[in-house]
Protein backbone atom coordinates (compact mmCIF):
# COMPACT_ATOMS: atom_id res chain seq x y z
CA MET A 1 130.52 68.39 96.13
CA ARG A 2 132.49 65.20 96.36
CA CYS A 3 131.88 62.92 99.30
CA ARG A 4 135.04 61.53 100.86
CA SER A 5 133.49 59.00 103.24
CA VAL A 6 134.20 55.26 102.94
CA HIS A 7 130.81 53.63 102.71
CA LEU A 8 129.55 50.11 103.29
CA LEU A 9 130.00 49.20 99.65
CA LEU A 10 133.73 48.96 100.33
CA LEU A 11 133.33 46.12 102.84
CA PRO A 12 132.97 43.21 100.37
CA ALA A 13 136.03 44.33 98.43
CA VAL A 14 138.09 44.58 101.62
CA LEU A 15 136.89 41.21 102.95
CA SER A 16 137.64 39.53 99.63
CA PHE A 17 141.23 40.76 99.59
CA PRO A 18 143.55 37.76 100.25
CA VAL A 19 144.54 37.45 103.89
CA SER A 20 147.93 36.19 102.80
CA ALA A 21 148.53 39.50 101.10
CA LEU A 22 148.27 41.25 104.43
CA ALA A 23 150.73 39.00 106.21
CA VAL A 24 154.15 40.52 106.54
CA ALA A 25 157.12 38.23 106.92
CA PRO A 26 159.13 38.80 110.15
CA ASN A 27 162.27 39.64 108.21
CA LEU A 28 160.55 42.38 106.14
CA GLY A 29 160.45 45.89 107.50
CA PRO A 30 157.51 48.26 107.01
CA SER A 31 159.24 49.97 104.08
CA SER A 32 160.04 46.78 102.17
CA PRO A 33 158.88 46.59 98.52
CA ALA A 34 156.57 43.63 99.25
CA THR A 35 154.67 45.50 101.99
CA GLN A 36 154.34 48.63 99.89
CA ALA A 37 152.94 46.58 97.02
CA GLN A 38 150.41 44.95 99.33
CA ILE A 39 149.27 48.30 100.68
CA ALA A 40 149.02 49.73 97.17
CA ALA A 41 146.91 46.75 96.08
CA LEU A 42 144.60 47.19 99.03
CA GLU A 43 144.24 50.91 98.34
CA LEU A 44 143.39 50.13 94.71
CA ALA A 45 140.73 47.63 95.79
CA VAL A 46 139.17 50.22 98.09
CA LYS A 47 139.26 52.87 95.37
CA ASN A 48 137.67 50.51 92.84
CA ALA A 49 134.92 49.58 95.30
CA GLN A 50 134.12 53.22 95.96
CA SER A 51 134.03 53.96 92.25
CA ALA A 52 131.71 51.02 91.61
CA GLY A 53 129.32 52.14 94.35
CA ASP A 54 129.26 55.75 93.22
CA ASN A 55 128.85 54.75 89.59
CA ALA A 56 125.92 52.48 90.40
CA TRP A 57 124.14 55.20 92.36
CA VAL A 58 124.56 57.87 89.68
CA LEU A 59 123.40 55.51 86.91
CA VAL A 60 120.29 54.63 88.95
CA SER A 61 119.75 58.33 89.60
CA ALA A 62 119.99 59.03 85.86
CA ALA A 63 117.24 56.48 85.26
CA LEU A 64 115.13 58.11 87.99
CA VAL A 65 115.50 61.54 86.39
CA LEU A 66 114.44 60.11 83.02
CA LEU A 67 111.46 58.56 84.83
CA MET A 68 110.46 62.10 85.76
CA THR A 69 109.95 63.01 82.09
CA GLY A 70 108.45 59.76 80.88
CA PRO A 71 106.19 58.58 82.42
CA GLY A 72 106.11 61.19 85.22
CA LEU A 73 105.68 64.48 83.38
CA THR A 74 103.84 62.91 80.43
CA LEU A 75 101.14 61.55 82.76
CA PHE A 76 101.07 64.64 84.98
CA TYR A 77 100.62 67.06 82.08
CA GLY A 78 98.57 64.59 80.00
CA GLY A 79 95.90 64.22 82.64
CA LEU A 80 95.59 67.97 83.15
CA VAL A 81 94.59 68.79 79.56
CA ARG A 82 91.30 68.06 77.83
CA ARG A 83 90.77 64.59 76.41
CA LYS A 84 91.31 65.68 72.80
CA ASN A 85 94.84 66.85 73.63
CA ILE A 86 96.30 64.04 75.73
CA LEU A 87 98.45 62.36 73.07
CA GLY A 88 99.67 65.66 71.67
CA THR A 89 100.67 66.80 75.16
CA MET A 90 102.43 63.53 75.94
CA MET A 91 104.23 63.61 72.61
CA GLN A 92 105.74 66.99 73.44
CA SER A 93 107.58 65.53 76.44
CA PHE A 94 108.36 62.24 74.70
CA ALA A 95 109.90 64.08 71.76
CA MET A 96 112.34 65.80 74.11
CA MET A 97 113.57 62.40 75.31
CA GLY A 98 114.76 61.65 71.80
CA ILE A 99 115.66 65.01 70.29
CA ILE A 100 117.63 66.38 73.25
CA THR A 101 119.58 63.12 73.56
CA ILE A 102 120.85 63.52 69.99
CA LEU A 103 121.62 67.22 70.43
CA TRP A 104 123.40 66.51 73.72
CA ALA A 105 125.65 63.95 72.05
CA PHE A 106 126.41 66.20 69.08
CA ILE A 107 127.11 69.49 70.84
CA GLY A 108 124.98 70.14 73.93
CA TYR A 109 127.27 68.47 76.46
CA SER A 110 130.25 70.35 75.09
CA LEU A 111 128.47 73.71 75.29
CA ALA A 112 127.46 73.04 78.89
CA PHE A 113 130.54 71.34 80.32
CA GLY A 114 133.39 71.94 77.88
CA HIS A 115 136.08 74.51 78.54
CA GLY A 116 135.09 77.87 77.13
CA ASN A 117 134.50 81.25 78.72
CA GLY A 118 132.37 82.42 81.63
CA PHE A 119 129.16 82.16 79.63
CA ILE A 120 129.39 79.11 77.39
CA GLY A 121 131.51 76.01 76.93
CA GLY A 122 133.63 75.32 73.89
CA PHE A 123 133.64 72.64 71.20
CA GLU A 124 136.15 70.23 72.70
CA HIS A 125 133.50 67.55 73.34
CA ILE A 126 131.43 67.77 70.14
CA PHE A 127 130.22 64.30 69.15
CA LEU A 128 131.35 63.31 72.68
CA ARG A 129 135.00 63.54 71.67
CA GLY A 130 137.18 62.85 74.70
CA VAL A 131 134.24 61.76 76.87
CA GLY A 132 135.32 58.30 77.92
CA LEU A 133 135.05 55.70 80.66
CA THR A 134 137.59 57.31 82.95
CA PRO A 135 136.66 60.03 85.46
CA ASN A 136 136.96 63.71 84.75
CA PRO A 137 138.13 65.02 88.16
CA GLU A 138 136.92 68.53 87.32
CA TYR A 139 133.36 67.26 87.69
CA ALA A 140 133.30 63.84 89.38
CA ALA A 141 136.44 62.04 90.51
CA THR A 142 135.02 58.57 91.13
CA ILE A 143 132.67 57.92 88.18
CA PRO A 144 133.32 57.64 84.43
CA GLU A 145 132.79 60.88 82.55
CA GLN A 146 130.25 59.10 80.37
CA THR A 147 128.20 58.44 83.50
CA PHE A 148 128.38 62.13 84.41
CA MET A 149 127.48 63.04 80.83
CA VAL A 150 124.39 60.81 80.68
CA TYR A 151 123.25 61.93 84.12
CA GLN A 152 123.40 65.57 83.03
CA LEU A 153 121.58 64.62 79.83
CA MET A 154 118.49 63.70 81.85
CA PHE A 155 118.37 67.24 83.27
CA ALA A 156 118.69 68.66 79.76
CA ILE A 157 115.73 66.51 78.66
CA ILE A 158 113.23 67.45 81.34
CA THR A 159 113.95 71.19 81.36
CA PRO A 160 112.45 72.09 77.96
CA ALA A 161 109.70 69.53 78.54
CA LEU A 162 108.56 71.56 81.57
CA ILE A 163 107.95 74.59 79.33
CA THR A 164 105.27 72.74 77.35
CA GLY A 165 102.86 73.04 80.27
CA ALA A 166 102.51 76.79 79.69
CA PHE A 167 101.39 76.59 76.07
CA ALA A 168 99.48 73.30 76.28
CA GLU A 169 96.65 72.70 73.79
CA ARG A 170 97.57 75.41 71.27
CA VAL A 171 100.90 74.85 69.46
CA LYS A 172 101.93 72.86 66.39
CA PHE A 173 104.13 69.86 67.03
CA GLY A 174 106.91 70.53 64.52
CA PRO A 175 107.56 74.21 65.27
CA MET A 176 107.29 73.44 68.99
CA ALA A 177 110.02 70.79 68.69
CA LEU A 178 112.23 73.21 66.78
CA PHE A 179 111.74 75.99 69.31
CA LEU A 180 112.56 73.75 72.28
CA SER A 181 115.58 72.25 70.51
CA LEU A 182 117.07 75.68 69.86
CA TRP A 183 116.10 76.77 73.37
CA SER A 184 118.02 73.84 74.83
CA LEU A 185 121.21 74.88 73.04
CA LEU A 186 120.93 78.65 73.41
CA VAL A 187 119.33 79.05 76.84
CA TYR A 188 119.77 75.86 78.86
CA CYS A 189 123.37 75.04 77.89
CA PRO A 190 124.74 78.55 78.66
CA MET A 191 122.97 78.61 82.04
CA ALA A 192 124.25 75.14 82.90
CA HIS A 193 127.77 76.19 81.98
CA MET A 194 127.65 79.43 83.95
CA ILE A 195 126.63 77.64 87.16
CA TRP A 196 128.06 74.12 86.85
CA GLY A 197 130.71 74.33 84.13
CA VAL A 198 134.40 74.80 84.89
CA GLY A 199 135.21 78.49 84.48
CA GLY A 200 131.53 79.47 84.60
CA LEU A 201 130.61 82.99 85.65
CA LEU A 202 128.45 81.69 88.53
CA ASN A 203 130.41 78.55 89.42
CA ILE A 204 130.98 78.06 93.15
CA ASN A 205 134.62 77.26 92.44
CA GLY A 206 136.05 80.53 91.22
CA GLY A 207 133.07 82.18 89.56
CA GLN A 208 132.61 85.94 89.82
CA TRP A 209 129.33 85.46 91.69
CA PRO A 210 129.43 81.96 93.19
CA CYS A 211 125.92 80.54 93.10
CA LEU A 212 124.72 77.63 95.22
CA ASP A 213 122.64 75.43 92.93
CA PHE A 214 122.92 71.83 93.99
CA ALA A 215 120.54 70.19 91.51
CA GLY A 216 119.17 72.82 89.15
CA GLY A 217 116.89 75.31 90.86
CA THR A 218 118.17 78.09 88.62
CA VAL A 219 119.52 76.01 85.75
CA VAL A 220 116.31 73.99 85.37
CA HIS A 221 113.35 75.63 87.09
CA VAL A 222 114.08 79.33 86.71
CA THR A 223 114.98 79.04 83.02
CA SER A 224 112.05 76.76 82.15
CA GLY A 225 109.51 78.55 84.33
CA ILE A 226 110.32 82.05 83.08
CA SER A 227 110.47 80.85 79.48
CA ALA A 228 107.08 79.22 80.04
CA LEU A 229 105.57 82.55 81.02
CA VAL A 230 107.13 84.27 78.00
CA ALA A 231 105.75 81.57 75.68
CA ALA A 232 102.27 81.78 77.21
CA LEU A 233 102.20 85.55 76.77
CA TYR A 234 103.61 85.43 73.23
CA LEU A 235 101.19 82.77 71.98
CA GLY A 236 98.13 84.20 73.68
CA LYS A 237 95.26 82.48 75.41
CA ARG A 238 93.53 79.29 74.39
CA ALA A 239 90.27 79.77 72.51
CA GLY A 240 87.57 80.37 75.09
CA TYR A 241 89.91 81.03 78.02
CA PRO A 242 88.96 81.94 80.74
CA HIS A 243 85.21 81.86 80.10
CA THR A 244 85.05 78.26 78.86
CA ASP A 245 85.49 75.61 81.53
CA MET A 246 88.63 73.55 80.80
CA PRO A 247 88.95 71.02 83.65
CA PRO A 248 91.55 68.21 83.65
CA HIS A 249 90.18 65.23 81.77
CA SER A 250 91.81 62.66 84.10
CA MET A 251 92.98 63.52 87.59
CA VAL A 252 93.89 59.85 88.03
CA LEU A 253 96.59 60.09 85.35
CA SER A 254 97.88 63.35 86.81
CA PHE A 255 97.97 61.85 90.29
CA ILE A 256 100.04 58.90 89.10
CA GLY A 257 102.33 61.26 87.21
CA ALA A 258 102.86 63.46 90.26
CA CYS A 259 103.75 60.43 92.39
CA LEU A 260 106.28 59.31 89.78
CA LEU A 261 107.73 62.81 89.77
CA TRP A 262 108.10 62.68 93.55
CA VAL A 263 109.93 59.33 93.41
CA GLY A 264 112.09 60.37 90.47
CA TRP A 265 113.09 63.58 92.24
CA PHE A 266 115.29 61.59 94.60
CA GLY A 267 117.52 60.87 91.60
CA PHE A 268 117.27 64.52 90.59
CA ASN A 269 118.47 65.83 93.95
CA ALA A 270 120.26 63.05 95.82
CA GLY A 271 121.96 61.89 92.63
CA SER A 272 123.49 65.35 92.27
CA ALA A 273 125.87 64.45 95.09
CA LEU A 274 127.57 62.31 92.41
CA SER A 275 128.48 59.79 95.09
CA ALA A 276 126.76 57.30 97.36
CA GLY A 277 127.69 59.07 100.58
CA PRO A 278 126.29 61.28 103.35
CA LEU A 279 125.68 64.24 101.04
CA ALA A 280 123.31 62.10 98.97
CA THR A 281 121.53 61.16 102.18
CA SER A 282 121.12 64.81 103.12
CA ALA A 283 119.71 65.75 99.72
CA PHE A 284 117.39 62.73 99.78
CA ILE A 285 115.92 63.66 103.17
CA ASN A 286 115.57 67.32 102.29
CA THR A 287 113.71 66.38 99.11
CA GLN A 288 111.19 64.29 101.02
CA PHE A 289 110.69 66.87 103.76
CA ALA A 290 110.13 69.79 101.38
CA ALA A 291 107.63 67.88 99.25
CA ALA A 292 105.65 66.90 102.33
CA ALA A 293 105.73 70.40 103.83
CA ALA A 294 104.41 71.88 100.58
CA LEU A 295 101.03 70.47 101.54
CA SER A 296 100.71 73.99 102.86
CA TRP A 297 99.28 74.55 99.34
CA THR A 298 96.38 72.28 100.33
CA LEU A 299 95.84 74.13 103.59
CA PHE A 300 95.88 77.51 101.83
CA GLU A 301 93.43 76.24 99.21
CA TRP A 302 91.22 74.66 101.87
CA LEU A 303 90.96 77.94 103.76
CA GLN A 304 90.27 79.87 100.55
CA ASN A 305 87.80 77.55 98.79
CA GLY A 306 86.46 75.31 101.53
CA LYS A 307 87.80 72.02 100.09
CA PRO A 308 91.23 70.41 99.76
CA THR A 309 91.49 69.22 96.17
CA ALA A 310 93.65 66.44 94.74
CA LEU A 311 94.91 68.86 92.09
CA GLY A 312 96.06 71.26 94.79
CA ALA A 313 97.78 68.49 96.74
CA ILE A 314 99.83 67.22 93.81
CA SER A 315 100.59 70.75 92.59
CA GLY A 316 101.85 71.65 96.05
CA ALA A 317 104.11 68.61 96.19
CA VAL A 318 105.66 69.49 92.81
CA ALA A 319 106.10 73.09 93.97
CA GLY A 320 107.93 71.92 97.08
CA LEU A 321 110.16 69.65 95.02
CA ALA A 322 110.98 72.42 92.55
CA THR A 323 111.80 74.86 95.33
CA ILE A 324 114.05 72.56 97.36
CA THR A 325 116.05 71.48 94.30
CA GLN A 326 118.59 74.28 94.56
CA ALA A 327 119.00 73.93 98.32
CA SER A 328 118.78 70.14 98.68
CA GLY A 329 122.51 69.57 99.20
CA PHE A 330 123.14 72.66 101.33
CA VAL A 331 120.50 72.87 104.08
CA GLN A 332 119.45 71.15 107.29
CA PRO A 333 116.21 69.05 107.37
CA MET A 334 114.30 71.66 109.40
CA SER A 335 115.24 74.27 106.82
CA ALA A 336 113.88 71.96 104.12
CA LEU A 337 110.56 71.85 105.96
CA ALA A 338 110.50 75.64 106.08
CA ILE A 339 111.35 75.91 102.37
CA GLY A 340 108.61 73.46 101.42
CA THR A 341 106.04 75.29 103.55
CA ILE A 342 106.91 78.64 101.97
CA ALA A 343 106.85 77.10 98.49
CA GLY A 344 103.36 75.69 98.89
CA ILE A 345 101.87 78.98 100.08
CA VAL A 346 103.65 81.30 97.63
CA CYS A 347 103.10 79.11 94.55
CA CYS A 348 99.43 78.57 95.44
CA PHE A 349 98.99 82.34 95.78
CA MET A 350 100.61 82.87 92.36
CA VAL A 351 98.35 80.30 90.69
CA PHE A 352 95.06 81.30 92.28
CA LYS A 353 95.48 85.03 92.82
CA VAL A 354 98.19 86.51 90.62
CA LYS A 355 97.39 84.54 87.46
CA ARG A 356 93.69 85.31 87.84
CA PHE A 357 94.42 89.00 88.42
CA PHE A 358 96.60 89.41 85.31
CA GLY A 359 94.62 86.96 83.19
CA TYR A 360 97.51 85.21 81.41
CA ASP A 361 96.96 81.64 80.26
CA ASP A 362 99.73 79.55 81.80
CA SER A 363 97.77 76.41 80.96
CA LEU A 364 99.29 73.94 83.42
CA ASP A 365 100.98 76.48 85.73
CA ALA A 366 104.55 75.88 84.59
CA PHE A 367 105.45 79.43 85.60
CA GLY A 368 103.44 79.44 88.82
CA VAL A 369 105.11 76.25 90.05
CA HIS A 370 108.55 76.07 88.43
CA GLY A 371 109.34 79.69 87.67
CA VAL A 372 108.15 80.97 91.03
CA GLY A 373 109.40 77.92 92.94
CA GLY A 374 112.84 78.15 91.34
CA THR A 375 113.07 81.87 92.04
CA ILE A 376 112.20 81.70 95.73
CA GLY A 377 114.30 78.55 96.04
CA ALA A 378 117.36 80.43 94.80
CA LEU A 379 116.93 83.11 97.47
CA LEU A 380 116.03 80.70 100.27
CA THR A 381 119.14 78.66 99.50
CA GLY A 382 121.25 81.75 100.17
CA LEU A 383 119.39 82.20 103.44
CA PHE A 384 119.40 78.65 104.84
CA ALA A 385 122.59 77.08 103.40
CA SER A 386 124.74 75.52 106.13
CA GLY A 387 128.45 74.73 106.10
CA ALA A 388 127.73 71.85 108.47
CA ILE A 389 125.98 70.06 105.61
CA ASN A 390 128.22 71.10 102.74
CA ALA A 391 131.40 73.07 103.44
CA VAL A 392 131.44 74.40 99.92
CA PHE A 393 133.61 77.38 100.85
CA GLY A 394 136.10 75.29 102.84
CA ASN A 395 137.20 75.54 106.46
CA ASP A 396 138.88 78.30 108.43
CA SER A 397 142.24 77.95 110.19
CA ALA A 398 140.55 76.22 113.12
CA GLY A 399 139.00 73.61 110.85
CA THR A 400 135.49 75.03 111.19
CA PRO A 401 133.39 75.26 107.99
CA ARG A 402 133.16 78.82 106.74
CA PRO A 403 129.65 80.34 106.68
CA THR A 404 127.68 79.32 103.63
CA GLY A 405 124.33 81.05 103.97
CA ALA A 406 122.97 84.20 105.57
CA ILE A 407 121.80 82.50 108.76
CA GLY A 408 125.36 81.30 109.30
CA GLY A 409 126.70 84.82 108.75
CA ASN A 410 127.34 84.93 105.01
CA TRP A 411 124.70 87.46 103.95
CA HIS A 412 126.60 88.19 100.75
CA GLN A 413 125.49 84.79 99.44
CA VAL A 414 121.89 86.01 99.20
CA LEU A 415 123.12 88.71 96.82
CA ASN A 416 125.02 86.12 94.76
CA GLN A 417 121.87 84.00 94.55
CA ALA A 418 119.83 87.02 93.44
CA ILE A 419 122.38 87.87 90.74
CA ALA A 420 122.33 84.32 89.39
CA MET A 421 118.55 84.28 89.48
CA GLY A 422 118.45 87.62 87.66
CA ILE A 423 120.81 86.36 84.96
CA GLY A 424 118.58 83.31 84.57
CA TRP A 425 115.51 85.53 84.17
CA VAL A 426 117.16 87.77 81.58
CA LEU A 427 118.59 84.87 79.56
CA ALA A 428 115.24 83.05 79.59
CA ILE A 429 113.21 86.14 78.62
CA VAL A 430 115.49 87.39 75.85
CA GLY A 431 116.38 83.96 74.48
CA SER A 432 112.79 82.73 74.47
CA LEU A 433 111.43 85.88 72.83
CA VAL A 434 113.99 85.79 70.04
CA LEU A 435 113.48 82.08 69.34
CA LEU A 436 109.69 82.33 69.49
CA PHE A 437 109.72 85.22 67.06
CA VAL A 438 112.05 83.47 64.60
CA VAL A 439 110.29 80.09 64.64
CA ASP A 440 106.84 81.66 64.56
CA ASN A 441 107.67 83.83 61.56
CA LEU A 442 109.26 80.95 59.67
CA PHE A 443 106.76 78.17 60.38
CA GLY A 444 103.95 79.48 62.57
CA LEU A 445 103.63 78.19 66.12
CA ARG A 446 99.96 78.65 66.90
CA LEU A 447 97.32 76.14 65.82
CA SER A 448 94.62 77.34 63.46
CA PRO A 449 91.20 77.83 65.11
CA ALA A 450 89.90 74.70 63.41
CA ASP A 451 92.85 72.58 64.58
CA GLU A 452 92.57 73.92 68.11
CA THR A 453 88.90 72.98 68.15
CA SER A 454 89.57 69.43 66.94
CA GLY A 455 92.50 69.07 69.34
CA LEU A 456 96.18 68.19 69.14
CA ASP A 457 95.61 64.45 68.85
CA LEU A 458 93.72 64.54 65.57
CA SER A 459 95.16 67.71 64.04
CA GLN A 460 98.84 66.98 64.77
CA HIS A 461 99.05 63.20 65.02
CA GLY A 462 95.97 61.79 63.28
CA GLU A 463 94.93 59.60 66.18
CA GLU A 464 93.02 59.75 69.44
CA GLY A 465 94.02 58.91 72.97
CA TYR A 466 90.80 57.06 73.71
CA GLU A 467 88.68 54.91 71.40
CA LEU A 468 85.24 55.37 72.88
CA ASN A 469 83.34 53.54 70.16
CA GLY A 470 85.32 50.32 70.22
């Protein structure tokens, strides 16, 4: 939603405007051409100052979201695998930073945000045709469309990278890169268009089932988390799982990565306001509160196992961040605390109880954290969304914001959220299965037993993460 407030960044531009330009000669009336020109010049200065402030914030936010992939996710996932797989695991995320950027420029942005139908965008922006340095008011009225494009690119990068946590330590690098590239175009881009694209089936402005997704709870976390589970089931368990102990080789690296993810998430959520105004503040605060409240994971684990682990603490924080993403620009701070608390408990239960019961090998809990967190976040957004924070459905005749979520009286929104979440599940399951089958049959996805034993670093990249004999 666009913020219409005049923020402090406007003050220097106003103070620098020539005082003489504001002086009106006694013999000139208020409608004289000179006065109108002065007012128009002042309005332009204010508009330019607002645009500069908004543009600066979104560019910084884009950098923060990229920080989430590298070094955030690379360190978080890299520390959680065994030592022989650290470089191979990091390379999977790093590759997405390059490959998805190229695909986004060629066609991805157009498929996600071009004009098309309710399911997918068209080809009007292939090779970034028509994406210039002026704003596109359909998406962001105060920043260049190239800024909007590059900000959305960072979301497109991290989403497939999240999937790699589910099949860590057992896939070939080349086929993996091909699968995730195709997945980005055929799963991520349609979902992004349906929820955020003009004319999308789930868009809050005119969609058939308007979905509240402020920063990607369904677009990012549901699609990646469900696809992660599908990939884990399709590829099968790691050799020796679950009987062989496979502890993280460096909790220190994972801890640093989780902290970088937490910091970067402010760009992920608060940057999605697309302006440096009060809505960004709201999303920023909600992000912090939910991550902190998700320490409920630690409490749950402590009660179950007798000790609060560092791995549980950082996993809980990421779960809270994933779950608040969808709601960050729609809910009150106390609701964010509730969402984070629920996220920590539910995701911990999924990781420790459900995964153990069914026996699937979601190596780094991509489904348990992102798939589950995104799913409950979609529903909780429909419950807690408040028109006082974001009057997304406008005001009534008395000027009062119309109800946004169920607590405010709009229970139908929970149904809309469930429909969007269901579409995300179906698209992720079907799309991932088809792509896995095609790539696997053409090139083979799974490592050979010998390569899996030697590890990704040596078998896929011919080098090791640590030189212990030097």
